[in-house]
Amino acid sequence: MTRTWIALAIGLGALLVGAPLAPAQESGLLVDAGWLNARLGDRQLRIVDMVTEPEEYRRGHIPGAIYLHVNDARIAVPAGGFRLPTSCSSSRSTSSAIRRWRS
């Protein structure tokens, strides 16, 4: 798993549990590998790996990460509403979108 995917998994996991995000300088990531490494033993940190397929998770993930399929985290859309895209082929684009939605 690349650092980008690791940081994306952490960022999304932090959003799900409401943990504050640590900015990753100049990388476009929500958190960086150093931030994660410093907190891997923190029992309050929940790492959620939301890759699409369970096989990807089984091939490799951050130690202690749990798997959550993206469809299991979806919220029902009210009648007449629509769903905003929450993922894309580039994790950099996803982290950028998350920042815009949070501001």
N, C-alpha and C. Protein backbone atom coordinates (compact mmCIF):
# COMPACT_ATOMS: atom_id res chain seq x y z
N MET A 1 0.85 -1.17 0.00
CA MET A 1 0.00 0.00 0.00
C MET A 1 0.90 1.24 0.00
N THR A 2 0.62 2.18 -0.84
CA THR A 2 1.46 3.37 -0.90
C THR A 2 1.13 4.32 0.23
N ARG A 3 2.05 5.26 0.46
CA ARG A 3 1.81 6.26 1.51
C ARG A 3 0.54 7.05 1.24
N THR A 4 0.26 7.30 -0.04
CA THR A 4 -0.94 8.05 -0.39
C THR A 4 -2.19 7.32 0.07
N TRP A 5 -2.28 6.02 -0.22
CA TRP A 5 -3.45 5.26 0.18
C TRP A 5 -3.54 5.13 1.69
N ILE A 6 -2.40 5.00 2.34
CA ILE A 6 -2.38 4.92 3.80
C ILE A 6 -2.94 6.20 4.39
N ALA A 7 -2.44 7.33 3.91
CA ALA A 7 -2.91 8.61 4.44
C ALA A 7 -4.39 8.82 4.13
N LEU A 8 -4.83 8.41 2.95
CA LEU A 8 -6.23 8.53 2.60
C LEU A 8 -7.09 7.70 3.54
N ALA A 9 -6.68 6.48 3.81
CA ALA A 9 -7.42 5.63 4.73
C ALA A 9 -7.50 6.25 6.11
N ILE A 10 -6.40 6.82 6.57
CA ILE A 10 -6.38 7.48 7.88
C ILE A 10 -7.28 8.69 7.88
N GLY A 11 -7.17 9.49 6.85
CA GLY A 11 -8.00 10.70 6.77
C GLY A 11 -9.48 10.37 6.78
N LEU A 12 -9.88 9.41 5.99
CA LEU A 12 -11.29 9.02 5.97
C LEU A 12 -11.72 8.41 7.29
N GLY A 13 -10.85 7.61 7.88
CA GLY A 13 -11.17 7.03 9.19
C GLY A 13 -11.33 8.10 10.24
N ALA A 14 -10.47 9.10 10.22
CA ALA A 14 -10.56 10.19 11.19
C ALA A 14 -11.86 10.97 10.99
N LEU A 15 -12.27 11.16 9.76
CA LEU A 15 -13.53 11.84 9.51
C LEU A 15 -14.70 11.05 10.06
N LEU A 16 -14.64 9.73 9.94
CA LEU A 16 -15.73 8.90 10.42
C LEU A 16 -15.87 8.93 11.93
N VAL A 17 -14.78 9.04 12.66
CA VAL A 17 -14.86 9.03 14.12
C VAL A 17 -14.75 10.41 14.72
N GLY A 18 -14.59 11.44 13.89
CA GLY A 18 -14.55 12.80 14.39
C GLY A 18 -13.24 13.23 14.98
N ALA A 19 -12.17 12.50 14.74
CA ALA A 19 -10.86 12.88 15.27
C ALA A 19 -10.32 14.06 14.49
N PRO A 20 -9.58 14.95 15.15
CA PRO A 20 -8.98 16.07 14.42
C PRO A 20 -7.92 15.56 13.46
N LEU A 21 -7.79 16.22 12.32
CA LEU A 21 -6.80 15.84 11.34
C LEU A 21 -5.54 16.68 11.50
N ALA A 22 -4.41 16.06 11.33
CA ALA A 22 -3.13 16.78 11.35
C ALA A 22 -2.77 17.12 9.91
N PRO A 23 -2.49 18.39 9.63
CA PRO A 23 -2.16 18.74 8.24
C PRO A 23 -0.84 18.13 7.81
N ALA A 24 -0.78 17.65 6.60
CA ALA A 24 0.47 17.14 6.03
C ALA A 24 1.02 18.23 5.12
N GLN A 25 2.15 18.75 5.47
CA GLN A 25 2.73 19.87 4.75
C GLN A 25 3.10 19.51 3.32
N GLU A 26 2.66 20.31 2.37
CA GLU A 26 3.06 20.28 0.97
C GLU A 26 2.75 18.98 0.23
N SER A 27 2.13 18.01 0.82
CA SER A 27 1.92 16.75 0.13
C SER A 27 0.52 16.62 -0.46
N GLY A 28 -0.41 17.44 -0.03
CA GLY A 28 -1.78 17.29 -0.46
C GLY A 28 -2.54 16.22 0.30
N LEU A 29 -1.90 15.61 1.29
CA LEU A 29 -2.53 14.56 2.09
C LEU A 29 -3.16 15.16 3.34
N LEU A 30 -4.13 14.48 3.89
CA LEU A 30 -4.75 14.94 5.13
C LEU A 30 -3.85 14.72 6.32
N VAL A 31 -3.15 13.60 6.36
CA VAL A 31 -2.15 13.31 7.38
C VAL A 31 -0.95 12.70 6.69
N ASP A 32 0.19 12.74 7.36
CA ASP A 32 1.38 12.14 6.74
C ASP A 32 1.81 10.90 7.51
N ALA A 33 2.77 10.20 6.95
CA ALA A 33 3.23 8.94 7.54
C ALA A 33 3.80 9.15 8.94
N GLY A 34 4.48 10.27 9.18
CA GLY A 34 5.04 10.55 10.50
C GLY A 34 3.95 10.71 11.55
N TRP A 35 2.89 11.42 11.20
CA TRP A 35 1.76 11.62 12.12
C TRP A 35 1.16 10.27 12.48
N LEU A 36 0.95 9.45 11.45
CA LEU A 36 0.37 8.12 11.69
C LEU A 36 1.30 7.26 12.53
N ASN A 37 2.56 7.22 12.18
CA ASN A 37 3.53 6.39 12.90
C ASN A 37 3.59 6.75 14.37
N ALA A 38 3.51 8.04 14.67
CA ALA A 38 3.56 8.50 16.06
C ALA A 38 2.33 8.08 16.85
N ARG A 39 1.25 7.73 16.18
CA ARG A 39 -0.01 7.43 16.86
C ARG A 39 -0.51 5.99 16.69
N LEU A 40 0.28 5.13 16.08
CA LEU A 40 -0.18 3.76 15.85
C LEU A 40 -0.56 3.03 17.13
N GLY A 41 0.07 3.35 18.25
CA GLY A 41 -0.26 2.70 19.51
C GLY A 41 -1.39 3.36 20.27
N ASP A 42 -1.94 4.45 19.76
CA ASP A 42 -3.00 5.20 20.43
C ASP A 42 -4.31 4.42 20.34
N ARG A 43 -4.83 4.00 21.47
CA ARG A 43 -6.07 3.21 21.48
C ARG A 43 -7.29 4.05 21.09
N GLN A 44 -7.16 5.37 21.08
CA GLN A 44 -8.27 6.23 20.68
C GLN A 44 -8.34 6.42 19.16
N LEU A 45 -7.27 6.05 18.46
CA LEU A 45 -7.22 6.20 17.01
C LEU A 45 -7.86 4.99 16.35
N ARG A 46 -8.77 5.23 15.44
CA ARG A 46 -9.41 4.16 14.68
C ARG A 46 -9.01 4.33 13.22
N ILE A 47 -8.37 3.33 12.68
CA ILE A 47 -7.94 3.36 11.29
C ILE A 47 -8.92 2.52 10.49
N VAL A 48 -9.55 3.13 9.52
CA VAL A 48 -10.55 2.46 8.70
C VAL A 48 -10.04 2.43 7.27
N ASP A 49 -9.89 1.25 6.72
CA ASP A 49 -9.45 1.07 5.34
C ASP A 49 -10.70 0.85 4.50
N MET A 50 -10.99 1.80 3.62
CA MET A 50 -12.22 1.74 2.83
C MET A 50 -11.94 1.46 1.36
N VAL A 51 -11.00 0.56 1.09
CA VAL A 51 -10.80 0.15 -0.29
C VAL A 51 -12.07 -0.54 -0.78
N THR A 52 -12.26 -0.56 -2.07
CA THR A 52 -13.51 -1.10 -2.62
C THR A 52 -13.67 -2.59 -2.38
N GLU A 53 -12.62 -3.34 -2.59
CA GLU A 53 -12.72 -4.79 -2.51
C GLU A 53 -11.98 -5.36 -1.29
N PRO A 54 -12.58 -6.31 -0.59
CA PRO A 54 -11.93 -6.91 0.58
C PRO A 54 -10.59 -7.56 0.24
N GLU A 55 -10.44 -8.03 -1.01
CA GLU A 55 -9.18 -8.65 -1.41
C GLU A 55 -8.02 -7.66 -1.32
N GLU A 56 -8.30 -6.39 -1.66
CA GLU A 56 -7.25 -5.36 -1.55
C GLU A 56 -6.82 -5.19 -0.10
N TYR A 57 -7.78 -5.19 0.80
CA TYR A 57 -7.49 -5.07 2.23
C TYR A 57 -6.65 -6.25 2.70
N ARG A 58 -7.03 -7.45 2.28
CA ARG A 58 -6.29 -8.64 2.69
C ARG A 58 -4.87 -8.66 2.14
N ARG A 59 -4.66 -8.06 0.97
CA ARG A 59 -3.31 -8.01 0.39
C ARG A 59 -2.38 -7.10 1.19
N GLY A 60 -2.92 -6.13 1.89
CA GLY A 60 -2.08 -5.26 2.69
C GLY A 60 -2.83 -4.06 3.22
N HIS A 61 -2.61 -3.77 4.49
CA HIS A 61 -3.23 -2.61 5.13
C HIS A 61 -2.38 -2.20 6.33
N ILE A 62 -2.68 -1.06 6.88
CA ILE A 62 -1.98 -0.55 8.05
C ILE A 62 -2.27 -1.47 9.23
N PRO A 63 -1.26 -1.81 10.03
CA PRO A 63 -1.51 -2.66 11.20
C PRO A 63 -2.61 -2.06 12.09
N GLY A 64 -3.57 -2.88 12.44
CA GLY A 64 -4.67 -2.44 13.29
C GLY A 64 -5.85 -1.86 12.54
N ALA A 65 -5.71 -1.64 11.23
CA ALA A 65 -6.81 -1.07 10.45
C ALA A 65 -7.94 -2.08 10.30
N ILE A 66 -9.16 -1.58 10.32
CA ILE A 66 -10.31 -2.43 10.05
C ILE A 66 -10.80 -2.15 8.64
N TYR A 67 -11.46 -3.12 8.05
CA TYR A 67 -11.99 -2.96 6.70
C TYR A 67 -13.44 -2.52 6.78
N LEU A 68 -13.79 -1.53 5.98
CA LEU A 68 -15.17 -1.09 5.85
C LEU A 68 -15.43 -0.81 4.38
N HIS A 69 -16.36 -1.53 3.80
CA HIS A 69 -16.69 -1.29 2.40
C HIS A 69 -17.38 0.06 2.31
N VAL A 70 -17.04 0.81 1.30
CA VAL A 70 -17.58 2.17 1.14
C VAL A 70 -19.11 2.16 1.12
N ASN A 71 -19.73 1.14 0.57
CA ASN A 71 -21.20 1.09 0.54
C ASN A 71 -21.80 0.94 1.94
N ASP A 72 -21.06 0.36 2.87
CA ASP A 72 -21.56 0.21 4.24
C ASP A 72 -21.53 1.52 5.01
N ALA A 73 -20.82 2.50 4.51
CA ALA A 73 -20.71 3.79 5.19
C ALA A 73 -21.63 4.84 4.59
N ARG A 74 -22.35 4.48 3.56
CA ARG A 74 -23.22 5.44 2.89
C ARG A 74 -24.46 5.75 3.74
N ILE A 75 -24.89 6.97 3.62
CA ILE A 75 -26.10 7.43 4.30
C ILE A 75 -27.22 7.50 3.25
N ALA A 76 -28.41 7.11 3.64
CA ALA A 76 -29.53 7.14 2.70
C ALA A 76 -29.74 8.55 2.16
N VAL A 77 -30.04 8.64 0.88
CA VAL A 77 -30.28 9.93 0.24
C VAL A 77 -31.78 10.21 0.30
N PRO A 78 -32.15 11.40 0.81
CA PRO A 78 -33.58 11.74 0.87
C PRO A 78 -34.19 11.79 -0.54
N ALA A 79 -35.49 11.56 -0.62
CA ALA A 79 -36.18 11.63 -1.91
C ALA A 79 -35.91 12.97 -2.57
N GLY A 80 -35.55 12.93 -3.84
CA GLY A 80 -35.26 14.16 -4.57
C GLY A 80 -33.84 14.64 -4.42
N GLY A 81 -33.06 14.00 -3.55
CA GLY A 81 -31.67 14.39 -3.34
C GLY A 81 -30.74 13.66 -4.28
N PHE A 82 -29.46 13.89 -4.09
CA PHE A 82 -28.46 13.19 -4.89
C PHE A 82 -27.21 12.99 -4.06
N ARG A 83 -26.39 12.06 -4.46
CA ARG A 83 -25.17 11.73 -3.74
C ARG A 83 -23.98 12.41 -4.40
N LEU A 84 -23.14 13.05 -3.59
CA LEU A 84 -21.90 13.62 -4.10
C LEU A 84 -20.86 12.52 -4.21
N PRO A 85 -19.99 12.57 -5.22
CA PRO A 85 -18.94 11.55 -5.30
C PRO A 85 -17.98 11.68 -4.13
N THR A 86 -17.57 10.55 -3.56
CA THR A 86 -16.66 10.58 -2.41
C THR A 86 -15.35 9.89 -2.69
N SER A 87 -15.18 9.39 -3.89
CA SER A 87 -13.90 8.78 -4.22
C SER A 87 -13.63 8.98 -5.70
N CYS A 88 -12.40 8.76 -6.07
CA CYS A 88 -12.00 8.95 -7.46
C CYS A 88 -10.75 8.13 -7.70
N SER A 89 -10.23 8.22 -8.89
CA SER A 89 -9.04 7.43 -9.21
C SER A 89 -7.78 8.01 -8.60
N SER A 90 -7.84 9.21 -8.08
CA SER A 90 -6.66 9.86 -7.49
C SER A 90 -6.94 10.22 -6.05
N SER A 91 -6.15 9.68 -5.13
CA SER A 91 -6.36 10.01 -3.72
C SER A 91 -6.08 11.48 -3.45
N ARG A 92 -5.22 12.10 -4.24
CA ARG A 92 -4.94 13.52 -4.07
C ARG A 92 -6.22 14.32 -4.33
N SER A 93 -6.96 13.95 -5.35
CA SER A 93 -8.23 14.62 -5.65
C SER A 93 -9.23 14.40 -4.53
N THR A 94 -9.27 13.19 -3.99
CA THR A 94 -10.19 12.89 -2.90
C THR A 94 -9.86 13.72 -1.67
N SER A 95 -8.59 13.79 -1.29
CA SER A 95 -8.24 14.57 -0.10
C SER A 95 -8.52 16.05 -0.33
N SER A 96 -8.34 16.53 -1.54
CA SER A 96 -8.66 17.91 -1.86
C SER A 96 -10.16 18.15 -1.73
N ALA A 97 -10.96 17.21 -2.21
CA ALA A 97 -12.42 17.34 -2.11
C ALA A 97 -12.86 17.33 -0.65
N ILE A 98 -12.26 16.48 0.16
CA ILE A 98 -12.62 16.43 1.58
C ILE A 98 -12.32 17.76 2.25
N ARG A 99 -11.18 18.35 1.94
CA ARG A 99 -10.84 19.66 2.52
C ARG A 99 -11.88 20.71 2.13
N ARG A 100 -12.29 20.72 0.88
CA ARG A 100 -13.29 21.71 0.43
C ARG A 100 -14.61 21.49 1.15
N TRP A 101 -15.04 20.23 1.30
CA TRP A 101 -16.32 19.95 1.95
C TRP A 101 -16.29 20.32 3.43
N ARG A 102 -15.12 20.21 4.06
CA ARG A 102 -15.02 20.52 5.50
C ARG A 102 -14.99 22.01 5.76
N SER A 103 -14.58 22.82 4.76
CA SER A 103 -14.44 24.27 5.00
C SER A 103 -15.73 25.02 4.74
